[in-house]
C-alpha atoms as a PDB file:
ATOM      1  CA  UNK A   1     107.143 123.350 115.051  1.00  0.00           C
ATOM      2  CA  UNK A   2     105.092 120.942 112.597  1.00  0.00           C
ATOM      3  CA  UNK A   3     105.772 117.523 111.706  1.00  0.00           C
ATOM      4  CA  UNK A   4     104.605 115.677 108.744  1.00  0.00           C
ATOM      5  CA  UNK A   5     104.877 111.338 109.516  1.00  0.00           C
ATOM      6  CA  UNK A   6     104.057 108.691 106.181  1.00  0.00           C
ATOM      7  CA  UNK A   7     104.049 105.164 105.747  1.00  0.00           C
ATOM      8  CA  UNK A   8     103.314 102.605 103.342  1.00  0.00           C
ATOM      9  CA  UNK A   9     101.611  99.211 104.685  1.00  0.00           C
ATOM     10  CA  UNK A  10     102.492  96.231 103.000  1.00  0.00           C
ATOM     11  CA  UNK A  11     101.009  92.993 104.059  1.00  0.00           C
ATOM     12  CA  UNK A  12     103.187  90.500 102.813  1.00  0.00           C
ATOM     13  CA  UNK A  13     101.168  87.648 105.195  1.00  0.00           C
ATOM     14  CA  UNK A  14      99.254  86.365 101.847  1.00  0.00           C
ATOM     15  CA  UNK A  15     100.791  84.497  98.919  1.00  0.00           C
ATOM     16  CA  UNK A  16      99.591  86.738  96.338  1.00  0.00           C
ATOM     17  CA  UNK A  17     100.419  90.042  98.330  1.00  0.00           C
ATOM     18  CA  UNK A  18     102.931  92.564  97.295  1.00  0.00           C
ATOM     19  CA  UNK A  19     106.322  91.275  98.503  1.00  0.00           C
ATOM     20  CA  UNK A  20     108.904  93.603 100.945  1.00  0.00           C
ATOM     21  CA  UNK A  21     111.742  93.854  98.201  1.00  0.00           C
ATOM     22  CA  UNK A  22     113.693  96.871  99.507  1.00  0.00           C
ATOM     23  CA  UNK A  23     115.450  96.839 103.726  1.00  0.00           C
ATOM     24  CA  UNK A  24     116.977  99.589 105.373  1.00  0.00           C
ATOM     25  CA  UNK A  25     119.899  97.390 107.395  1.00  0.00           C
ATOM     26  CA  UNK A  26     122.038 100.443 109.033  1.00  0.00           C
ATOM     27  CA  UNK A  27     121.183 104.191 109.016  1.00  0.00           C
ATOM     28  CA  UNK A  28     121.984 107.273 111.051  1.00  0.00           C
ATOM     29  CA  UNK A  29     124.889 104.823 112.618  1.00  0.00           C
ATOM     30  CA  UNK A  30     122.389 102.238 114.228  1.00  0.00           C
ATOM     31  CA  UNK A  31     122.371  98.859 112.867  1.00  0.00           C
ATOM     32  CA  UNK A  32     118.150  97.955 112.776  1.00  0.00           C
ATOM     33  CA  UNK A  33     117.249  94.903 113.389  1.00  0.00           C
ATOM     34  CA  UNK A  34     114.740  94.136 109.760  1.00  0.00           C
ATOM     35  CA  UNK A  35     112.461  91.545 111.590  1.00  0.00           C
ATOM     36  CA  UNK A  36     111.276  94.237 113.661  1.00  0.00           C
ATOM     37  CA  UNK A  37     109.361  96.183 110.873  1.00  0.00           C
ATOM     38  CA  UNK A  38     107.114  92.997 110.118  1.00  0.00           C
ATOM     39  CA  UNK A  39     103.255  92.855 112.210  1.00  0.00           C
ATOM     40  CA  UNK A  40     103.230  90.428 114.496  1.00  0.00           C
ATOM     41  CA  UNK A  41     100.048  88.730 112.988  1.00  0.00           C
ATOM     42  CA  UNK A  42     102.508  87.477 109.924  1.00  0.00           C
ATOM     43  CA  UNK A  43     103.211  84.530 109.778  1.00  0.00           C
ATOM     44  CA  UNK A  44     106.365  84.546 107.771  1.00  0.00           C
ATOM     45  CA  UNK A  45     109.447  82.798 108.318  1.00  0.00           C
ATOM     46  CA  UNK A  46     112.401  85.503 108.100  1.00  0.00           C
ATOM     47  CA  UNK A  47     114.945  85.291 105.136  1.00  0.00           C
ATOM     48  CA  UNK A  48     117.966  87.975 105.016  1.00  0.00           C
ATOM     49  CA  UNK A  49     117.025  89.737 102.441  1.00  0.00           C
ATOM     50  CA  UNK A  50     120.602  91.082 100.965  1.00  0.00           C
ATOM     51  CA  UNK A  51     121.570  87.843 100.529  1.00  0.00           C
ATOM     52  CA  UNK A  52     117.901  86.575  98.983  1.00  0.00           C
ATOM     53  CA  UNK A  53     118.338  85.752  95.160  1.00  0.00           C
ATOM     54  CA  UNK A  54     115.471  86.202  93.348  1.00  0.00           C
ATOM     55  CA  UNK A  55     114.779  85.605  89.865  1.00  0.00           C
ATOM     56  CA  UNK A  56     115.322  87.436  87.128  1.00  0.00           C
ATOM     57  CA  UNK A  57     112.675  89.236  84.444  1.00  0.00           C
ATOM     58  CA  UNK A  58     113.174  90.473  81.474  1.00  0.00           C
ATOM     59  CA  UNK A  59     111.422  92.950  80.219  1.00  0.00           C
ATOM     60  CA  UNK A  60     111.448  93.515  76.069  1.00  0.00           C
ATOM     61  CA  UNK A  61     109.666  96.386  74.584  1.00  0.00           C
ATOM     62  CA  UNK A  62     110.067  97.693  70.878  1.00  0.00           C
ATOM     63  CA  UNK A  63     111.257 100.651  69.575  1.00  0.00           C
ATOM     64  CA  UNK A  64     106.970 102.210  69.802  1.00  0.00           C
ATOM     65  CA  UNK A  65     106.842 100.843  72.600  1.00  0.00           C
ATOM     66  CA  UNK A  66     109.232 102.490  74.539  1.00  0.00           C
ATOM     67  CA  UNK A  67     108.149 105.911  72.600  1.00  0.00           C
ATOM     68  CA  UNK A  68     104.610 105.858  73.626  1.00  0.00           C
ATOM     69  CA  UNK A  69     106.254 106.221  77.342  1.00  0.00           C
ATOM     70  CA  UNK A  70     108.364 109.035  76.392  1.00  0.00           C
ATOM     71  CA  UNK A  71     106.468 112.102  76.169  1.00  0.00           C
ATOM     72  CA  UNK A  72     106.583 113.730  72.920  1.00  0.00           C
END
């Protein structure tokens, strides 16, 4: 049989690096430890991602900008 495995590495150990914004808590009947997916070298204090409040950024587009985003 053939198998395919893909993964994405996100370095969250630096201040200007991308942030991990999604998490999986329960899947296939198992509760996953969310900290286990962080690399061991990351000096990062774990926060519960489900209860963390992030600032909301408003993105305002004009009608012309919206039209330019969609295929004609």
